[in-house]
Amino acid sequence: MTHEIAVIPGDGIGQEVTPAAVEVLEALDIDFDFVEGDAGDAVKEATGDALPEETRELAADADATLFGAAGETAADVILPLRSIVGSFANVRPARAYPGVDAVKPETDIVFIRENTEGVYTGIESEITEGVTTLTRVVTEDASREIAEYGFDYARQNDFEDVTIAHKANVMRQTDGLFLETAEAVAAERDAEYDTALMDALAMHLIMNPDDYGVVICPNLAGDMLSDLAAGLVGGLGLLPSANVGPDNALFEPVHGSAPDIAGEGVANPSAMILSAAMLLDHFGYDEEGDRVRTAVEDVLENGPTTPDLGGDASTEDVTAAVIDHL
């Protein structure tokens, strides 16, 4: 069976790490058809539209999408793309790897982030000059969907610790609904869990990351907490992610476009390649996904590594080494 994969490199180092992930996938004996689309700052400058209609249609019609990075036009690119593929869950693993100088080498946490609501719905307005508002949207249906996904993910991947992050002591209506709904899902499954105020959780994640396994989060909290956890494991260059919908999905590294090193050929492709491994899992190629992860881990432990991890290797050097380990 052929799987059509939309490939959207985007901006900055996305142009370098996305081809690296495609090379790794092409090294496997799987029938993928890669079709490239354009999006991002340069596209907007050239056409006036950061996400052209043909790219939207490509992502909608493909079986999955690989996305690199978004620059200044991120809100016009990645948020619509996540919506186009129907993703309701953003899965962000933060794991420390052998050979990487991690602040907390015991870290192995997966953030299950609600992907459709919260403050990212973009409902903003200016009441009068100097006064603006932002509407935070939380619904029972979306809260239930992400909680069900989170508890199912924990069970399927043998995580014993599940934490529901919230700020219901202040945002009583919105996070109150999120917390109440997630706890109801846990009760229906007879699943054990803890709850944590998201600000206190930020501190405890740094102090005792091994206390946490799967963390189910509202949208903004999941975004911020996963970036915080990246600091525990060696940086954003190591965090992959999956945006999962009922019938489609989009895979992207958590890092941004890194304009300071874009074009130099030294970007760390690990997060993008690990995102490709999550794509393999999505299609049921579990053995191949594990092979890719093992290859990345071997390279991280034994080299070569890019400058962000203290080495002097290029993006191409690391990619070639991963393929060699495959």
Protein backbone atom coordinates (compact mmCIF):
# COMPACT_ATOMS: atom_id res chain seq x y z
CA MET A 1 0.00 0.00 0.00
CA THR A 2 1.32 3.43 -0.96
CA HIS A 3 1.09 6.24 1.60
CA GLU A 4 1.11 9.78 0.24
CA ILE A 5 3.11 12.08 2.51
CA ALA A 6 2.85 15.84 2.16
CA VAL A 7 6.27 17.39 2.80
CA ILE A 8 6.21 21.05 3.83
CA PRO A 9 9.68 22.26 4.88
CA GLY A 10 8.51 25.77 5.79
CA ASP A 11 11.05 28.32 7.00
CA GLY A 12 14.63 28.48 8.27
CA ILE A 13 16.12 25.18 9.32
CA GLY A 14 12.92 23.47 8.26
CA GLN A 15 14.44 23.57 4.80
CA GLU A 16 17.37 21.51 6.09
CA VAL A 17 15.94 19.07 8.61
CA THR A 18 12.84 18.07 6.63
CA PRO A 19 14.84 16.61 3.71
CA ALA A 20 16.90 14.74 6.33
CA ALA A 21 13.76 13.04 7.66
CA VAL A 22 12.64 12.18 4.12
CA GLU A 23 16.07 10.61 3.44
CA VAL A 24 15.71 8.42 6.51
CA LEU A 25 12.21 7.31 5.51
CA GLU A 26 13.40 6.58 1.99
CA ALA A 27 16.08 4.28 3.44
CA LEU A 28 13.33 2.00 4.73
CA ASP A 29 11.53 -0.60 2.63
CA ILE A 30 8.17 1.20 2.77
CA ASP A 31 6.15 2.53 -0.15
CA PHE A 32 5.90 6.27 0.55
CA ASP A 33 5.04 8.85 -2.08
CA PHE A 34 6.46 12.23 -1.03
CA VAL A 35 4.84 15.37 -2.46
CA GLU A 36 6.31 18.75 -1.50
CA GLY A 37 4.33 21.89 -0.75
CA ASP A 38 5.33 25.47 0.03
CA ALA A 39 4.44 27.55 3.07
CA GLY A 40 5.94 30.20 5.29
CA ASP A 41 7.56 33.62 5.26
CA ALA A 42 9.19 33.44 1.82
CA VAL A 43 5.96 32.21 0.25
CA LYS A 44 4.01 35.06 1.80
CA GLU A 45 6.56 37.57 0.57
CA ALA A 46 6.35 36.16 -2.95
CA THR A 47 2.60 35.51 -3.18
CA GLY A 48 0.93 37.37 -0.31
CA ASP A 49 -0.27 34.09 1.21
CA ALA A 50 1.78 32.15 3.77
CA LEU A 51 -0.27 28.99 3.21
CA PRO A 52 -1.37 28.75 -0.44
CA GLU A 53 -4.54 26.90 -1.33
CA GLU A 54 -2.62 24.18 -3.17
CA THR A 55 -0.63 23.45 0.00
CA ARG A 56 -3.81 23.34 2.05
CA GLU A 57 -5.31 20.83 -0.39
CA LEU A 58 -2.09 18.80 -0.39
CA ALA A 59 -2.17 18.40 3.40
CA ALA A 60 -5.89 17.66 3.42
CA ASP A 61 -5.64 14.97 0.74
CA ALA A 62 -2.39 13.31 1.91
CA ASP A 63 -2.32 10.40 4.34
CA ALA A 64 0.01 12.39 6.62
CA THR A 65 2.19 15.50 6.59
CA LEU A 66 5.80 16.18 7.54
CA PHE A 67 6.24 19.84 8.49
CA GLY A 68 9.58 21.50 9.20
CA ALA A 69 9.31 24.88 10.89
CA ALA A 70 7.40 28.15 10.75
CA GLY A 71 8.89 31.62 11.04
CA GLU A 72 7.10 34.93 11.53
CA THR A 73 4.02 33.53 9.79
CA ALA A 74 3.63 30.63 12.25
CA ALA A 75 0.07 31.57 13.23
CA ASP A 76 -0.86 31.64 9.53
CA VAL A 77 0.76 28.31 8.76
CA ILE A 78 0.99 25.71 11.49
CA LEU A 79 -2.29 26.46 13.27
CA PRO A 80 -4.33 26.14 10.03
CA LEU A 81 -2.37 23.02 9.03
CA ARG A 82 -3.18 21.34 12.34
CA SER A 83 -6.82 22.18 11.73
CA ILE A 84 -6.73 20.99 8.11
CA VAL A 85 -5.59 17.51 9.14
CA GLY A 86 -8.26 17.46 11.86
CA SER A 87 -5.79 17.05 14.72
CA PHE A 88 -7.21 17.24 18.22
CA ALA A 89 -4.17 15.85 20.07
CA ASN A 90 -0.61 17.17 20.05
CA VAL A 91 1.71 14.43 21.35
CA ARG A 92 5.09 15.72 22.58
CA PRO A 93 7.55 13.23 24.10
CA ALA A 94 10.41 14.72 26.15
CA ARG A 95 13.01 12.04 26.78
CA ALA A 96 16.66 12.17 27.81
CA TYR A 97 19.02 10.17 25.58
CA PRO A 98 22.33 8.48 26.38
CA GLY A 99 25.30 10.61 25.40
CA VAL A 100 23.40 13.89 25.66
CA ASP A 101 24.33 16.26 28.48
CA ALA A 102 20.85 16.40 29.98
CA VAL A 103 20.01 18.41 33.09
CA LYS A 104 17.79 15.55 34.25
CA PRO A 105 18.82 12.26 32.56
CA GLU A 106 15.90 10.43 34.18
CA THR A 107 13.32 12.45 32.21
CA ASP A 108 10.82 10.43 30.14
CA ILE A 109 7.57 12.38 29.87
CA VAL A 110 4.90 12.59 27.16
CA PHE A 111 2.74 15.69 27.01
CA ILE A 112 -0.72 15.11 25.55
CA ARG A 113 -1.81 18.61 24.57
CA GLU A 114 -5.32 19.63 23.55
CA ASN A 115 -4.87 21.02 20.06
CA THR A 116 -8.02 22.89 19.06
CA GLU A 117 -9.11 25.28 21.80
CA GLY A 118 -7.91 27.47 24.62
CA VAL A 119 -6.36 30.81 23.73
CA TYR A 120 -5.13 29.50 20.37
CA THR A 121 -8.55 29.83 18.77
CA GLY A 122 -7.49 33.36 17.85
CA ILE A 123 -10.58 35.14 19.14
CA GLU A 124 -9.06 38.55 19.89
CA SER A 125 -10.54 42.00 19.70
CA GLU A 126 -9.78 45.62 20.48
CA ILE A 127 -12.49 47.11 22.66
CA THR A 128 -11.06 50.58 22.40
CA GLU A 129 -7.66 52.11 21.86
CA GLY A 130 -5.24 50.56 24.32
CA VAL A 131 -7.67 47.86 25.47
CA THR A 132 -7.67 44.37 23.90
CA THR A 133 -9.26 41.06 24.84
CA LEU A 134 -8.60 37.39 24.19
CA THR A 135 -11.34 34.79 24.52
CA ARG A 136 -10.38 31.38 25.92
CA VAL A 137 -12.58 28.58 24.63
CA VAL A 138 -12.90 25.24 26.45
CA THR A 139 -15.63 22.72 25.62
CA GLU A 140 -16.65 19.47 27.24
CA ASP A 141 -16.40 17.57 23.95
CA ALA A 142 -12.79 18.60 23.25
CA SER A 143 -11.79 18.08 26.87
CA ARG A 144 -13.26 14.58 26.80
CA GLU A 145 -11.55 13.74 23.53
CA ILE A 146 -8.09 14.74 24.72
CA ALA A 147 -8.54 13.03 28.09
CA GLU A 148 -9.65 9.79 26.43
CA TYR A 149 -6.66 9.95 24.10
CA GLY A 150 -4.29 10.65 26.99
CA PHE A 151 -5.45 7.79 29.19
CA ASP A 152 -5.50 5.41 26.21
CA TYR A 153 -1.97 6.51 25.26
CA ALA A 154 -0.72 5.85 28.79
CA ARG A 155 -2.25 2.37 28.82
CA GLN A 156 -1.01 1.42 25.35
CA ASN A 157 2.53 2.64 26.08
CA ASP A 158 2.84 1.28 29.63
CA PHE A 159 3.00 4.60 31.47
CA GLU A 160 1.87 4.19 35.07
CA ASP A 161 1.79 7.88 36.01
CA VAL A 162 -0.87 10.13 34.48
CA THR A 163 -1.21 13.78 35.53
CA ILE A 164 -3.97 16.19 34.57
CA ALA A 165 -2.59 19.73 34.38
CA HIS A 166 -4.94 22.65 35.00
CA LYS A 167 -5.41 26.04 36.64
CA ALA A 168 -8.95 25.53 37.87
CA ASN A 169 -8.30 27.43 41.08
CA VAL A 170 -8.23 30.65 39.03
CA MET A 171 -9.88 29.82 35.69
CA ARG A 172 -12.79 28.19 37.43
CA GLN A 173 -15.17 27.91 34.49
CA THR A 174 -12.79 26.96 31.67
CA ASP A 175 -10.15 24.86 33.43
CA GLY A 176 -12.81 23.77 35.86
CA LEU A 177 -14.65 22.13 32.97
CA PHE A 178 -11.41 20.66 31.59
CA LEU A 179 -10.49 19.13 34.95
CA GLU A 180 -13.99 17.86 35.71
CA THR A 181 -14.28 16.21 32.30
CA ALA A 182 -10.83 14.60 32.45
CA GLU A 183 -11.54 13.22 35.91
CA ALA A 184 -14.83 11.77 34.65
CA VAL A 185 -12.94 9.99 31.86
CA ALA A 186 -10.51 8.56 34.42
CA ALA A 187 -13.41 7.30 36.54
CA GLU A 188 -15.01 5.60 33.55
CA ARG A 189 -11.73 3.76 32.91
CA ASP A 190 -11.03 3.12 36.60
CA ALA A 191 -7.66 4.73 35.89
CA GLU A 192 -5.32 6.15 38.49
CA TYR A 193 -4.16 9.73 38.05
CA ASP A 194 -2.95 12.85 39.79
CA THR A 195 -3.89 16.47 39.19
CA ALA A 196 -1.51 19.43 39.30
CA LEU A 197 -1.81 23.18 39.04
CA MET A 198 0.13 23.99 35.91
CA ASP A 199 2.36 26.63 37.51
CA ALA A 200 3.33 24.35 40.40
CA LEU A 201 3.78 21.52 37.92
CA ALA A 202 6.39 23.58 36.07
CA MET A 203 8.50 23.65 39.24
CA HIS A 204 7.98 19.98 40.10
CA LEU A 205 8.85 18.87 36.55
CA ILE A 206 12.26 20.48 36.95
CA MET A 207 12.87 19.13 40.43
CA ASN A 208 11.48 15.60 40.04
CA PRO A 209 10.77 14.72 36.40
CA ASP A 210 10.80 10.99 37.14
CA ASP A 211 7.54 11.48 39.07
CA TYR A 212 5.74 12.07 35.77
CA GLY A 213 4.85 9.93 32.77
CA VAL A 214 1.90 11.18 30.71
CA VAL A 215 0.72 14.74 31.30
CA ILE A 216 -2.69 15.71 29.86
CA CYS A 217 -2.76 19.45 29.24
CA PRO A 218 -4.91 22.29 27.97
CA ASN A 219 -3.53 23.87 24.81
CA LEU A 220 -1.31 26.71 26.07
CA ALA A 221 -0.11 24.77 29.11
CA GLY A 222 0.96 21.85 26.92
CA ASP A 223 2.89 24.18 24.66
CA MET A 224 4.78 25.83 27.51
CA LEU A 225 5.37 22.77 29.71
CA SER A 226 6.77 20.70 26.86
CA ASP A 227 9.21 23.48 25.97
CA LEU A 228 10.24 23.63 29.61
CA ALA A 229 10.86 19.88 29.60
CA ALA A 230 13.05 20.29 26.51
CA GLY A 231 15.49 22.12 28.74
CA LEU A 232 15.75 19.04 30.94
CA VAL A 233 16.78 16.72 28.12
CA GLY A 234 19.19 18.82 26.07
CA GLY A 235 17.14 21.32 24.10
CA LEU A 236 14.37 21.70 21.57
CA GLY A 237 16.49 19.96 18.93
CA LEU A 238 15.53 16.65 20.55
CA LEU A 239 11.74 16.97 20.82
CA PRO A 240 9.51 15.48 18.12
CA SER A 241 5.74 15.80 18.00
CA ALA A 242 2.63 14.40 16.37
CA ASN A 243 -0.63 16.22 15.65
CA VAL A 244 -3.18 13.43 15.54
CA GLY A 245 -6.66 13.45 14.05
CA PRO A 246 -9.19 10.69 13.41
CA ASP A 247 -8.07 10.10 9.81
CA ASN A 248 -5.01 12.24 9.24
CA ALA A 249 -1.96 13.53 11.10
CA LEU A 250 0.89 16.01 10.93
CA PHE A 251 4.37 15.44 12.31
CA GLU A 252 6.78 18.24 13.20
CA PRO A 253 9.73 18.99 15.48
CA VAL A 254 8.92 21.18 18.46
CA HIS A 255 11.75 23.59 17.63
CA GLY A 256 11.22 26.68 15.51
CA SER A 257 12.89 27.98 12.38
CA ALA A 258 16.15 29.03 14.15
CA PRO A 259 16.97 31.91 11.81
CA ASP A 260 20.32 32.44 13.54
CA ILE A 261 21.70 29.20 12.07
CA ALA A 262 19.45 28.74 9.03
CA GLY A 263 21.38 28.04 5.87
CA GLU A 264 24.58 27.05 7.67
CA GLY A 265 23.93 23.31 7.40
CA VAL A 266 24.47 22.66 11.11
CA ALA A 267 20.89 22.24 12.34
CA ASN A 268 20.27 19.17 14.48
CA PRO A 269 17.91 16.89 12.50
CA SER A 270 17.19 14.57 15.45
CA ALA A 271 13.78 16.03 16.38
CA MET A 272 12.63 15.94 12.76
CA ILE A 273 13.84 12.36 12.28
CA LEU A 274 12.18 11.32 15.56
CA SER A 275 8.98 12.98 14.27
CA ALA A 276 9.31 10.74 11.20
CA ALA A 277 9.54 7.77 13.58
CA MET A 278 6.21 8.86 15.08
CA LEU A 279 4.81 8.96 11.55
CA LEU A 280 5.89 5.34 11.13
CA ASP A 281 4.10 4.44 14.39
CA HIS A 282 1.00 6.20 13.09
CA PHE A 283 0.87 3.89 10.07
CA GLY A 284 1.50 0.79 12.18
CA TYR A 285 5.16 0.36 11.19
CA ASP A 286 6.17 -0.15 14.79
CA GLU A 287 9.33 -2.14 14.05
CA GLU A 288 10.58 0.46 11.58
CA GLY A 289 9.75 3.27 14.00
CA ASP A 290 11.78 1.55 16.71
CA ARG A 291 14.68 1.06 14.28
CA VAL A 292 14.74 4.77 13.48
CA ARG A 293 14.63 5.74 17.16
CA THR A 294 17.41 3.28 17.97
CA ALA A 295 19.53 4.67 15.13
CA VAL A 296 19.05 8.23 16.38
CA GLU A 297 19.90 7.16 19.93
CA ASP A 298 23.08 5.41 18.75
CA VAL A 299 24.20 8.53 16.89
CA LEU A 300 23.38 10.81 19.83
CA GLU A 301 25.42 8.57 22.12
CA ASN A 302 28.38 7.88 19.85
CA GLY A 303 28.39 10.79 17.41
CA PRO A 304 28.64 12.60 15.18
CA THR A 305 26.69 15.46 16.76
CA THR A 306 25.82 18.98 15.69
CA PRO A 307 27.10 22.12 17.47
CA ASP A 308 24.03 22.45 19.70
CA LEU A 309 25.13 19.22 21.38
CA GLY A 310 28.80 20.16 21.54
CA GLY A 311 29.93 18.58 18.28
CA ASP A 312 30.99 19.98 14.95
CA ALA A 313 29.04 17.77 12.55
CA SER A 314 26.74 19.02 9.83
CA THR A 315 23.09 18.15 9.34
CA GLU A 316 24.13 15.91 6.46
CA ASP A 317 26.75 14.15 8.59
CA VAL A 318 24.21 13.26 11.28
CA THR A 319 21.62 12.16 8.73
CA ALA A 320 24.12 9.90 6.98
CA ALA A 321 25.14 8.39 10.31
CA VAL A 322 21.50 7.64 11.24
CA ILE A 323 20.96 5.96 7.88
CA ASP A 324 24.18 3.99 8.32
CA HIS A 325 22.95 2.75 11.71
CA LEU A 326 19.68 1.65 10.12
